N, C-alpha and C. Protein backbone atom coordinates (compact mmCIF):
# COMPACT_ATOMS: atom_id res chain seq x y z
N MET A 1 0.11 68.20 -17.86
CA MET A 1 0.22 67.43 -19.06
C MET A 1 -1.27 67.54 -19.82
N GLN A 2 -0.60 67.09 -20.55
CA GLN A 2 -1.92 67.10 -21.70
C GLN A 2 -1.87 65.09 -21.78
N LYS A 3 -2.85 64.74 -22.00
CA LYS A 3 -2.50 63.18 -22.17
C LYS A 3 -3.16 63.18 -23.75
N HIS A 4 -3.15 62.01 -24.49
CA HIS A 4 -2.89 61.75 -25.98
C HIS A 4 -4.00 60.40 -25.73
N THR A 5 -4.55 59.94 -26.25
CA THR A 5 -5.26 58.36 -26.47
C THR A 5 -4.77 57.84 -27.48
N ILE A 6 -4.52 56.38 -27.54
CA ILE A 6 -3.94 55.64 -28.84
C ILE A 6 -5.25 54.35 -28.46
N SER A 7 -5.85 53.71 -29.52
CA SER A 7 -6.50 52.82 -29.61
C SER A 7 -5.92 51.20 -29.30
N ALA A 8 -5.91 50.39 -28.59
CA ALA A 8 -5.65 49.10 -28.75
C ALA A 8 -4.57 48.29 -29.50
N SER A 9 -4.78 48.65 -30.92
CA SER A 9 -4.72 47.49 -31.54
C SER A 9 -3.31 48.93 -32.22
N GLN A 10 -3.31 50.45 -32.36
CA GLN A 10 -2.25 50.68 -32.45
C GLN A 10 -1.35 50.84 -31.58
N PHE A 11 -1.78 50.45 -30.72
CA PHE A 11 -0.72 50.39 -28.57
C PHE A 11 -0.08 48.76 -29.59
N LYS A 12 -0.50 48.35 -29.59
CA LYS A 12 0.15 46.92 -29.85
C LYS A 12 1.34 46.68 -30.79
N ALA A 13 0.93 47.96 -32.58
CA ALA A 13 2.17 48.14 -32.99
C ALA A 13 2.87 48.51 -32.91
N GLN A 14 2.39 49.96 -32.40
CA GLN A 14 3.80 51.01 -32.05
C GLN A 14 4.18 50.41 -30.30
N CYS A 15 4.28 49.65 -29.51
CA CYS A 15 4.01 50.10 -27.86
C CYS A 15 5.78 50.14 -27.42
N LEU A 16 6.85 49.75 -27.97
CA LEU A 16 8.08 49.79 -27.61
C LEU A 16 8.08 51.78 -27.75
N LYS A 17 7.71 51.56 -29.49
CA LYS A 17 7.88 53.43 -29.66
C LYS A 17 6.99 54.37 -28.47
N LEU A 18 6.23 54.22 -28.75
CA LEU A 18 5.47 54.29 -27.75
C LEU A 18 5.79 54.77 -26.07
N MET A 19 6.75 53.34 -25.72
CA MET A 19 6.54 53.71 -24.06
C MET A 19 8.27 54.32 -24.14
N ASP A 20 8.83 55.16 -25.52
CA ASP A 20 9.65 55.77 -25.76
C ASP A 20 9.46 56.66 -25.08
N GLU A 21 8.68 57.24 -26.12
CA GLU A 21 7.87 58.88 -26.01
C GLU A 21 7.13 58.97 -24.68
N VAL A 22 7.03 58.31 -24.12
CA VAL A 22 6.30 58.31 -22.78
C VAL A 22 7.45 58.55 -21.60
N ASN A 23 8.44 57.75 -22.44
CA ASN A 23 9.55 58.09 -20.67
C ASN A 23 9.53 59.74 -21.41
N ARG A 24 10.05 60.04 -22.34
CA ARG A 24 11.36 61.07 -23.08
C ARG A 24 10.60 62.47 -22.71
N THR A 25 8.99 62.08 -23.08
CA THR A 25 7.67 63.04 -22.92
C THR A 25 7.29 63.26 -21.41
N GLY A 26 7.32 62.53 -20.61
CA GLY A 26 6.60 62.57 -19.23
C GLY A 26 5.22 62.36 -19.61
N GLU A 27 4.45 62.09 -20.68
CA GLU A 27 3.44 62.45 -20.98
C GLU A 27 2.66 61.14 -21.14
N GLU A 28 1.30 61.31 -20.51
CA GLU A 28 0.52 59.69 -19.87
C GLU A 28 0.10 59.36 -21.93
N ILE A 29 -0.20 58.24 -21.37
CA ILE A 29 -1.28 57.50 -23.42
C ILE A 29 -1.97 56.69 -22.82
N ILE A 30 -3.20 57.31 -22.89
CA ILE A 30 -4.58 56.44 -22.83
C ILE A 30 -4.97 55.62 -23.47
N ILE A 31 -4.75 54.39 -23.44
CA ILE A 31 -5.29 53.13 -24.64
C ILE A 31 -6.52 52.61 -24.66
N THR A 32 -7.16 52.84 -25.47
CA THR A 32 -9.10 52.59 -26.02
C THR A 32 -9.03 50.86 -26.07
N LYS A 33 -10.63 50.58 -25.79
CA LYS A 33 -10.37 49.27 -26.15
C LYS A 33 -12.02 49.89 -26.63
N ASN A 34 -12.29 49.26 -28.10
CA ASN A 34 -14.15 49.60 -28.94
C ASN A 34 -13.97 51.38 -28.19
N GLY A 35 -12.90 52.67 -28.44
CA GLY A 35 -13.30 53.52 -28.04
C GLY A 35 -13.26 54.00 -26.53
N LYS A 36 -13.76 53.07 -25.43
CA LYS A 36 -13.79 53.17 -23.92
C LYS A 36 -12.48 53.32 -23.75
N PRO A 37 -11.34 54.08 -22.67
CA PRO A 37 -10.34 53.38 -22.22
C PRO A 37 -10.64 52.45 -21.31
N VAL A 38 -9.43 51.79 -21.16
CA VAL A 38 -9.50 50.89 -20.17
C VAL A 38 -7.87 50.61 -19.47
N SER A 39 -6.96 51.22 -20.13
CA SER A 39 -5.50 51.36 -19.44
C SER A 39 -4.64 52.81 -19.89
N LYS A 40 -3.87 53.15 -19.37
CA LYS A 40 -2.51 54.21 -18.92
C LYS A 40 -1.83 53.44 -18.91
N LEU A 41 -0.62 54.26 -20.29
CA LEU A 41 1.05 54.08 -19.87
C LEU A 41 0.68 55.62 -19.18
N ALA A 42 2.44 55.07 -18.44
CA ALA A 42 2.55 56.51 -17.95
C ALA A 42 4.07 56.32 -17.52
N PRO A 43 4.99 57.73 -17.40
CA PRO A 43 6.35 57.39 -16.40
C PRO A 43 6.40 56.92 -15.54
N ILE A 44 7.34 56.17 -14.96
CA ILE A 44 7.92 55.81 -13.53
C ILE A 44 8.26 57.18 -13.23
N SER A 45 7.49 57.46 -11.69
CA SER A 45 8.03 58.93 -10.98
C SER A 45 9.41 58.51 -10.55
N LYS A 46 10.70 59.12 -10.40
CA LYS A 46 11.71 58.54 -9.46
C LYS A 46 11.33 59.13 -8.43
N LYS A 47 11.97 58.32 -7.18
CA LYS A 47 11.75 58.85 -5.90
C LYS A 47 13.19 58.78 -5.38
N PRO A 48 13.39 60.04 -5.21
CA PRO A 48 14.78 60.39 -4.94
C PRO A 48 15.03 59.20 -3.80
N ALA A 49 16.70 58.80 -3.56
CA ALA A 49 17.13 58.14 -2.54
C ALA A 49 17.34 58.88 -1.30
N SER A 50 17.15 60.54 -0.93
CA SER A 50 17.46 60.54 -0.01
C SER A 50 16.63 62.15 -0.26
N LEU A 51 15.33 62.08 1.02
CA LEU A 51 14.59 63.38 1.25
C LEU A 51 15.57 65.03 1.60
N PHE A 52 16.45 64.30 1.51
CA PHE A 52 17.75 65.71 1.80
C PHE A 52 18.18 65.94 0.10
N GLY A 53 17.51 67.66 0.00
CA GLY A 53 18.31 67.95 -1.10
C GLY A 53 17.21 67.66 -2.08
N ALA A 54 16.09 67.18 -2.01
CA ALA A 54 14.80 66.22 -2.74
C ALA A 54 14.08 68.01 -3.53
N HIS A 55 14.41 68.78 -3.11
CA HIS A 55 13.50 70.05 -3.69
C HIS A 55 14.97 71.01 -3.62
N LYS A 56 15.73 70.89 -4.41
CA LYS A 56 16.89 71.65 -4.61
C LYS A 56 16.52 72.16 -6.01
N ASP A 57 16.51 73.94 -5.85
CA ASP A 57 16.38 74.43 -6.93
C ASP A 57 14.73 74.59 -7.03
N GLU A 58 14.05 73.87 -6.64
CA GLU A 58 12.29 74.72 -6.42
C GLU A 58 12.02 75.32 -5.65
N ILE A 59 12.41 75.40 -4.12
CA ILE A 59 12.80 76.68 -2.89
C ILE A 59 13.13 77.44 -2.93
N GLU A 60 12.91 78.94 -2.76
CA GLU A 60 13.36 79.54 -2.94
C GLU A 60 13.02 80.62 -1.28
N ILE A 61 13.70 80.64 -0.37
CA ILE A 61 14.26 81.15 0.67
C ILE A 61 13.40 82.96 1.23
N THR A 62 12.92 83.20 0.77
CA THR A 62 13.19 85.22 1.22
C THR A 62 12.99 85.36 2.51
N GLY A 63 13.82 86.62 2.70
CA GLY A 63 13.72 86.85 4.39
C GLY A 63 14.70 86.17 5.34
N ASP A 64 14.30 86.44 6.67
CA ASP A 64 15.19 85.84 7.43
C ASP A 64 14.24 84.44 8.21
N ILE A 65 14.94 83.78 7.90
CA ILE A 65 14.65 82.11 8.48
C ILE A 65 14.89 81.95 9.50
N ILE A 66 16.00 82.83 10.86
CA ILE A 66 16.76 82.14 11.50
C ILE A 66 16.13 82.84 13.38
N SER A 67 15.88 84.30 12.58
CA SER A 67 15.78 85.36 14.12
C SER A 67 14.37 84.72 14.25
N PRO A 68 13.91 85.15 15.73
CA PRO A 68 12.46 84.70 16.55
C PRO A 68 11.96 85.65 15.91
N LEU A 69 10.37 85.21 15.93
CA LEU A 69 9.80 85.71 15.17
C LEU A 69 9.00 86.82 17.01
N ASP A 70 8.67 88.47 15.99
CA ASP A 70 8.21 89.49 17.69
C ASP A 70 6.84 89.44 18.12
N VAL A 71 5.74 87.74 17.87
CA VAL A 71 4.46 87.85 17.94
C VAL A 71 4.22 87.60 19.55
N ASP A 72 3.43 87.57 20.24
CA ASP A 72 3.12 86.62 21.08
C ASP A 72 1.73 85.22 20.95
N TRP A 73 2.30 84.25 21.19
CA TRP A 73 1.28 83.21 20.18
C TRP A 73 0.38 83.23 21.86
N GLU A 74 -0.66 82.57 22.01
CA GLU A 74 -2.22 82.59 22.69
C GLU A 74 -1.37 80.96 23.01
N ALA A 75 -0.98 79.84 23.17
CA ALA A 75 -0.68 78.75 23.88
C ALA A 75 1.14 79.71 24.93
N MET A 76 1.42 81.19 24.65
CA MET A 76 2.01 81.29 25.64
C MET A 76 1.55 82.53 26.74
N GLN A 77 0.27 82.64 26.61
CA GLN A 77 -0.20 83.23 27.72
C GLN A 77 -0.41 82.98 28.80
């Protein structure tokens, strides 16, 4: 994710527009004063209401995850 930089005076003039842009793109904006970074405008990360299904369509199960493995563990010896 690329960060883009803006001066405090530009940020002040375009604040609402920049907030909408950050919300839409998810891209952070670094705000500078006298050329030095002083603040960051970043989107709020949305937490799922429940952990159940939080990674839906992000994880793919390949192979058999139900059957026991035919491996002797050191703890069992």
